[in-house]
PDB file of all heavy atoms in Angstrom:
ATOM      1  N   GLY A   1       0.823  -1.197  -0.007  1.00  0.00           N
ATOM      2  CA  GLY A   1       0.021   0.001   0.003  1.00  0.00           C
ATOM      3  C   GLY A   1       0.839   1.237  -0.020  1.00  0.00           C
ATOM      4  O   GLY A   1       2.069   1.175  -0.072  1.00  0.00           O
ATOM      5  N   PRO A   2       0.207   2.421   0.111  1.00  0.00           N
ATOM      6  CA  PRO A   2       0.937   3.676   0.075  1.00  0.00           C
ATOM      7  C   PRO A   2       1.741   3.902   1.367  1.00  0.00           C
ATOM      8  O   PRO A   2       1.331   3.480   2.437  1.00  0.00           O
ATOM      9  CB  PRO A   2      -0.148   4.717  -0.083  1.00  0.00           C
ATOM     10  CG  PRO A   2      -1.420   4.076   0.370  1.00  0.00           C
ATOM     11  CD  PRO A   2      -1.247   2.617   0.148  1.00  0.00           C
ATOM     12  N   SER A   3       2.884   4.586   1.216  1.00  0.00           N
ATOM     13  CA  SER A   3       3.691   5.015   2.331  1.00  0.00           C
ATOM     14  C   SER A   3       4.248   6.378   1.982  1.00  0.00           C
ATOM     15  O   SER A   3       4.391   6.700   0.835  1.00  0.00           O
ATOM     16  CB  SER A   3       4.780   3.995   2.627  1.00  0.00           C
ATOM     17  OG  SER A   3       5.563   3.764   1.507  1.00  0.00           O
ATOM     18  N   THR A   4       4.567   7.169   3.021  1.00  0.00           N
ATOM     19  CA  THR A   4       5.002   8.543   2.799  1.00  0.00           C
ATOM     20  C   THR A   4       6.436   8.668   3.347  1.00  0.00           C
ATOM     21  O   THR A   4       6.753   8.215   4.417  1.00  0.00           O
ATOM     22  CB  THR A   4       4.052   9.535   3.516  1.00  0.00           C
ATOM     23  OG1 THR A   4       2.733   9.322   2.965  1.00  0.00           O
ATOM     24  CG2 THR A   4       4.469  10.959   3.275  1.00  0.00           C
ATOM     25  N   HIS A   5       7.302   9.357   2.534  1.00  0.00           N
ATOM     26  CA  HIS A   5       8.708   9.443   2.847  1.00  0.00           C
ATOM     27  C   HIS A   5       9.291  10.769   2.517  1.00  0.00           C
ATOM     28  O   HIS A   5       8.861  11.455   1.603  1.00  0.00           O
ATOM     29  CB  HIS A   5       9.477   8.400   1.991  1.00  0.00           C
ATOM     30  CG  HIS A   5       8.941   7.046   2.055  1.00  0.00           C
ATOM     31  ND1 HIS A   5       9.250   6.154   3.079  1.00  0.00           N
ATOM     32  CD2 HIS A   5       8.063   6.395   1.243  1.00  0.00           C
ATOM     33  CE1 HIS A   5       8.582   5.019   2.870  1.00  0.00           C
ATOM     34  NE2 HIS A   5       7.896   5.140   1.777  1.00  0.00           N
ATOM     35  N   ALA A   6      10.351  11.152   3.251  1.00  0.00           N
ATOM     36  CA  ALA A   6      11.203  12.293   2.910  1.00  0.00           C
ATOM     37  C   ALA A   6      12.447  11.763   2.230  1.00  0.00           C
ATOM     38  O   ALA A   6      13.041  12.462   1.394  1.00  0.00           O
ATOM     39  CB  ALA A   6      11.575  13.110   4.143  1.00  0.00           C
ATOM     40  N   ALA A   7      12.840  10.551   2.562  1.00  0.00           N
ATOM     41  CA  ALA A   7      13.997   9.919   1.919  1.00  0.00           C
ATOM     42  C   ALA A   7      13.741   8.440   1.838  1.00  0.00           C
ATOM     43  O   ALA A   7      13.127   7.846   2.737  1.00  0.00           O
ATOM     44  CB  ALA A   7      15.246  10.181   2.750  1.00  0.00           C
ATOM     45  N   PHE A   8      14.213   7.812   0.766  1.00  0.00           N
ATOM     46  CA  PHE A   8      14.000   6.373   0.587  1.00  0.00           C
ATOM     47  C   PHE A   8      14.897   5.852  -0.579  1.00  0.00           C
ATOM     48  O   PHE A   8      15.403   6.609  -1.372  1.00  0.00           O
ATOM     49  CB  PHE A   8      12.568   6.005   0.327  1.00  0.00           C
ATOM     50  CG  PHE A   8      11.958   6.578  -0.928  1.00  0.00           C
ATOM     51  CD1 PHE A   8      11.988   5.821  -2.127  1.00  0.00           C
ATOM     52  CD2 PHE A   8      11.404   7.848  -0.968  1.00  0.00           C
ATOM     53  CE1 PHE A   8      11.481   6.388  -3.291  1.00  0.00           C
ATOM     54  CE2 PHE A   8      10.903   8.405  -2.105  1.00  0.00           C
ATOM     55  CZ  PHE A   8      10.905   7.655  -3.269  1.00  0.00           C
ATOM     56  N   VAL A   9      15.020   4.552  -0.620  1.00  0.00           N
ATOM     57  CA  VAL A   9      15.651   3.895  -1.761  1.00  0.00           C
ATOM     58  C   VAL A   9      14.546   3.012  -2.374  1.00  0.00           C
ATOM     59  O   VAL A   9      13.914   2.215  -1.689  1.00  0.00           O
ATOM     60  CB  VAL A   9      16.839   2.987  -1.301  1.00  0.00           C
ATOM     61  CG1 VAL A   9      17.399   2.231  -2.528  1.00  0.00           C
ATOM     62  CG2 VAL A   9      17.889   3.782  -0.674  1.00  0.00           C
ATOM     63  N   ALA A  10      14.344   3.155  -3.673  1.00  0.00           N
ATOM     64  CA  ALA A  10      13.364   2.342  -4.352  1.00  0.00           C
ATOM     65  C   ALA A  10      14.085   1.114  -4.871  1.00  0.00           C
ATOM     66  O   ALA A  10      15.125   1.228  -5.538  1.00  0.00           O
ATOM     67  CB  ALA A  10      12.729   3.106  -5.527  1.00  0.00           C
ATOM     68  N   GLY A  11      13.541  -0.054  -4.608  1.00  0.00           N
ATOM     69  CA  GLY A  11      14.123  -1.306  -5.057  1.00  0.00           C
ATOM     70  C   GLY A  11      13.626  -1.713  -6.404  1.00  0.00           C
ATOM     71  O   GLY A  11      12.857  -1.011  -7.044  1.00  0.00           O
ATOM     72  N   LEU A  12      14.099  -2.870  -6.838  1.00  0.00           N
ATOM     73  CA  LEU A  12      13.626  -3.412  -8.111  1.00  0.00           C
ATOM     74  C   LEU A  12      12.188  -3.848  -7.938  1.00  0.00           C
ATOM     75  O   LEU A  12      11.833  -4.470  -6.917  1.00  0.00           O
ATOM     76  CB  LEU A  12      14.483  -4.617  -8.524  1.00  0.00           C
ATOM     77  CG  LEU A  12      15.965  -4.263  -8.717  1.00  0.00           C
ATOM     78  CD1 LEU A  12      16.771  -5.582  -8.896  1.00  0.00           C
ATOM     79  CD2 LEU A  12      16.160  -3.338  -9.878  1.00  0.00           C
ATOM     80  N   MET A  13      11.299  -3.494  -8.874  1.00  0.00           N
ATOM     81  CA  MET A  13       9.862  -3.744  -8.739  1.00  0.00           C
ATOM     82  C   MET A  13       9.338  -4.476  -9.963  1.00  0.00           C
ATOM     83  O   MET A  13       9.875  -4.313 -11.080  1.00  0.00           O
ATOM     84  CB  MET A  13       9.115  -2.458  -8.569  1.00  0.00           C
ATOM     85  CG  MET A  13       9.468  -1.699  -7.323  1.00  0.00           C
ATOM     86  SD  MET A  13       8.514  -0.193  -7.147  1.00  0.00           S
ATOM     87  CE  MET A  13       9.016   0.767  -8.558  1.00  0.00           C
ATOM     88  N   PRO A  14       8.249  -5.217  -9.777  1.00  0.00           N
ATOM     89  CA  PRO A  14       7.682  -5.949 -10.899  1.00  0.00           C
ATOM     90  C   PRO A  14       6.809  -5.057 -11.815  1.00  0.00           C
ATOM     91  O   PRO A  14       6.380  -5.457 -12.898  1.00  0.00           O
ATOM     92  CB  PRO A  14       6.784  -7.010 -10.210  1.00  0.00           C
ATOM     93  CG  PRO A  14       6.414  -6.386  -8.904  1.00  0.00           C
ATOM     94  CD  PRO A  14       7.587  -5.568  -8.522  1.00  0.00           C
ATOM     95  N   GLY A  15       6.553  -3.832 -11.402  1.00  0.00           N
ATOM     96  CA  GLY A  15       5.710  -2.922 -12.171  1.00  0.00           C
ATOM     97  C   GLY A  15       5.910  -1.505 -11.739  1.00  0.00           C
ATOM     98  O   GLY A  15       6.738  -1.205 -10.867  1.00  0.00           O
ATOM     99  N   PRO A  16       5.125  -0.568 -12.301  1.00  0.00           N
ATOM    100  CA  PRO A  16       5.312   0.833 -11.942  1.00  0.00           C
ATOM    101  C   PRO A  16       4.851   1.187 -10.546  1.00  0.00           C
ATOM    102  O   PRO A  16       4.058   0.482  -9.939  1.00  0.00           O
ATOM    103  CB  PRO A  16       4.418   1.550 -12.989  1.00  0.00           C
ATOM    104  CG  PRO A  16       3.414   0.555 -13.338  1.00  0.00           C
ATOM    105  CD  PRO A  16       4.094  -0.775 -13.250  1.00  0.00           C
ATOM    106  N   ALA A  17       5.347   2.306 -10.066  1.00  0.00           N
ATOM    107  CA  ALA A  17       4.920   2.880  -8.743  1.00  0.00           C
ATOM    108  C   ALA A  17       4.200   4.187  -9.012  1.00  0.00           C
ATOM    109  O   ALA A  17       4.505   4.893  -9.987  1.00  0.00           O
ATOM    110  CB  ALA A  17       6.117   3.105  -7.860  1.00  0.00           C
ATOM    111  N   ASP A  18       3.252   4.507  -8.170  1.00  0.00           N
ATOM    112  CA  ASP A  18       2.554   5.742  -8.265  1.00  0.00           C
ATOM    113  C   ASP A  18       3.053   6.666  -7.156  1.00  0.00           C
ATOM    114  O   ASP A  18       3.222   6.203  -5.982  1.00  0.00           O
ATOM    115  CB  ASP A  18       1.044   5.580  -8.131  1.00  0.00           C
ATOM    116  CG  ASP A  18       0.455   4.800  -9.316  1.00  0.00           C
ATOM    117  OD1 ASP A  18       0.792   5.140 -10.474  1.00  0.00           O
ATOM    118  OD2 ASP A  18      -0.295   3.816  -9.076  1.00  0.00           O
ATOM    119  N   THR A  19       3.295   7.940  -7.455  1.00  0.00           N
ATOM    120  CA  THR A  19       3.792   8.898  -6.460  1.00  0.00           C
ATOM    121  C   THR A  19       2.880  10.107  -6.461  1.00  0.00           C
ATOM    122  O   THR A  19       2.262  10.449  -7.483  1.00  0.00           O
ATOM    123  CB  THR A  19       5.242   9.327  -6.736  1.00  0.00           C
ATOM    124  OG1 THR A  19       5.327  10.028  -7.970  1.00  0.00           O
ATOM    125  CG2 THR A  19       6.196   8.123  -6.719  1.00  0.00           C
ATOM    126  N   SER A  20       2.857  10.796  -5.313  1.00  0.00           N
ATOM    127  CA  SER A  20       2.103  12.061  -5.232  1.00  0.00           C
ATOM    128  C   SER A  20       2.690  12.927  -4.125  1.00  0.00           C
ATOM    129  O   SER A  20       3.310  12.463  -3.163  1.00  0.00           O
ATOM    130  CB  SER A  20       0.622  11.798  -4.987  1.00  0.00           C
ATOM    131  OG  SER A  20       0.444  11.211  -3.738  1.00  0.00           O
ATOM    132  N   PHE A  21       2.522  14.237  -4.297  1.00  0.00           N
ATOM    133  CA  PHE A  21       2.839  15.203  -3.257  1.00  0.00           C
ATOM    134  C   PHE A  21       2.060  16.477  -3.500  1.00  0.00           C
ATOM    135  O   PHE A  21       1.458  16.668  -4.572  1.00  0.00           O
ATOM    136  CB  PHE A  21       4.364  15.520  -3.284  1.00  0.00           C
ATOM    137  CG  PHE A  21       4.795  16.455  -4.359  1.00  0.00           C
ATOM    138  CD1 PHE A  21       4.896  17.831  -4.110  1.00  0.00           C
ATOM    139  CD2 PHE A  21       5.049  15.996  -5.649  1.00  0.00           C
ATOM    140  CE1 PHE A  21       5.293  18.696  -5.106  1.00  0.00           C
ATOM    141  CE2 PHE A  21       5.443  16.879  -6.664  1.00  0.00           C
ATOM    142  CZ  PHE A  21       5.551  18.230  -6.371  1.00  0.00           C
ATOM    143  N   ARG A  22       2.086  17.370  -2.538  1.00  0.00           N
ATOM    144  CA  ARG A  22       1.429  18.686  -2.629  1.00  0.00           C
ATOM    145  C   ARG A  22       2.437  19.729  -2.189  1.00  0.00           C
ATOM    146  O   ARG A  22       3.182  19.537  -1.261  1.00  0.00           O
ATOM    147  CB  ARG A  22       0.233  18.789  -1.691  1.00  0.00           C
ATOM    148  CG  ARG A  22      -0.922  17.985  -2.119  1.00  0.00           C
ATOM    149  CD  ARG A  22      -2.105  18.201  -1.109  1.00  0.00           C
ATOM    150  NE  ARG A  22      -3.268  17.571  -1.542  1.00  0.00           N
ATOM    151  CZ  ARG A  22      -4.131  18.043  -2.427  1.00  0.00           C
ATOM    152  NH1 ARG A  22      -3.935  19.242  -2.961  1.00  0.00           N
ATOM    153  NH2 ARG A  22      -5.185  17.352  -2.806  1.00  0.00           N
ATOM    154  N   GLY A  23       2.394  20.890  -2.906  1.00  0.00           N
ATOM    155  CA  GLY A  23       3.210  22.014  -2.448  1.00  0.00           C
ATOM    156  C   GLY A  23       4.602  22.105  -3.076  1.00  0.00           C
ATOM    157  O   GLY A  23       4.751  22.085  -4.283  1.00  0.00           O
ATOM    158  N   LYS A  24       5.609  22.195  -2.203  1.00  0.00           N
ATOM    159  CA  LYS A  24       6.980  22.431  -2.638  1.00  0.00           C
ATOM    160  C   LYS A  24       7.834  21.213  -2.303  1.00  0.00           C
ATOM    161  O   LYS A  24       7.753  20.703  -1.195  1.00  0.00           O
ATOM    162  CB  LYS A  24       7.567  23.667  -1.949  1.00  0.00           C
ATOM    163  CG  LYS A  24       6.854  24.921  -2.242  1.00  0.00           C
ATOM    164  CD  LYS A  24       7.474  26.072  -1.478  1.00  0.00           C
ATOM    165  CE  LYS A  24       6.680  27.342  -1.721  1.00  0.00           C
ATOM    166  NZ  LYS A  24       7.238  28.459  -0.926  1.00  0.00           N
ATOM    167  N   ARG A  25       8.684  20.811  -3.232  1.00  0.00           N
ATOM    168  CA  ARG A  25       9.607  19.711  -3.032  1.00  0.00           C
ATOM    169  C   ARG A  25      10.898  20.021  -3.663  1.00  0.00           C
ATOM    170  O   ARG A  25      10.983  20.381  -4.826  1.00  0.00           O
ATOM    171  CB  ARG A  25       9.037  18.439  -3.697  1.00  0.00           C
ATOM    172  CG  ARG A  25       8.565  17.411  -2.778  1.00  0.00           C
ATOM    173  CD  ARG A  25       8.121  16.157  -3.494  1.00  0.00           C
ATOM    174  NE  ARG A  25       9.153  15.181  -3.298  1.00  0.00           N
ATOM    175  CZ  ARG A  25       9.822  14.555  -4.266  1.00  0.00           C
ATOM    176  NH1 ARG A  25       9.634  14.829  -5.498  1.00  0.00           N
ATOM    177  NH2 ARG A  25      10.729  13.699  -3.954  1.00  0.00           N
ATOM    178  N   ASP A  26      11.946  19.866  -2.925  1.00  0.00           N
ATOM    179  CA  ASP A  26      13.345  19.919  -3.460  1.00  0.00           C
ATOM    180  C   ASP A  26      13.940  18.561  -3.118  1.00  0.00           C
ATOM    181  O   ASP A  26      13.799  18.070  -2.018  1.00  0.00           O
ATOM    182  CB  ASP A  26      14.152  21.015  -2.756  1.00  0.00           C
ATOM    183  CG  ASP A  26      13.582  22.390  -3.017  1.00  0.00           C
ATOM    184  OD1 ASP A  26      13.176  22.669  -4.173  1.00  0.00           O
ATOM    185  OD2 ASP A  26      13.518  23.201  -2.057  1.00  0.00           O
ATOM    186  N   CYS A  27      14.578  17.966  -4.103  1.00  0.00           N
ATOM    187  CA  CYS A  27      15.120  16.618  -3.852  1.00  0.00           C
ATOM    188  C   CYS A  27      16.300  16.341  -4.729  1.00  0.00           C
ATOM    189  O   CYS A  27      16.596  17.027  -5.705  1.00  0.00           O
ATOM    190  CB  CYS A  27      14.060  15.540  -4.007  1.00  0.00           C
ATOM    191  SG  CYS A  27      13.347  15.464  -5.699  1.00  0.00           S
TER     192      CYS A  27
END
């Protein structure tokens, strides 16, 4: 399910991931 992060490592996945945010993001 969904999880919320400021920092993470995305692993190898069997399909696409969906992402979302609101406002300002610098990364």
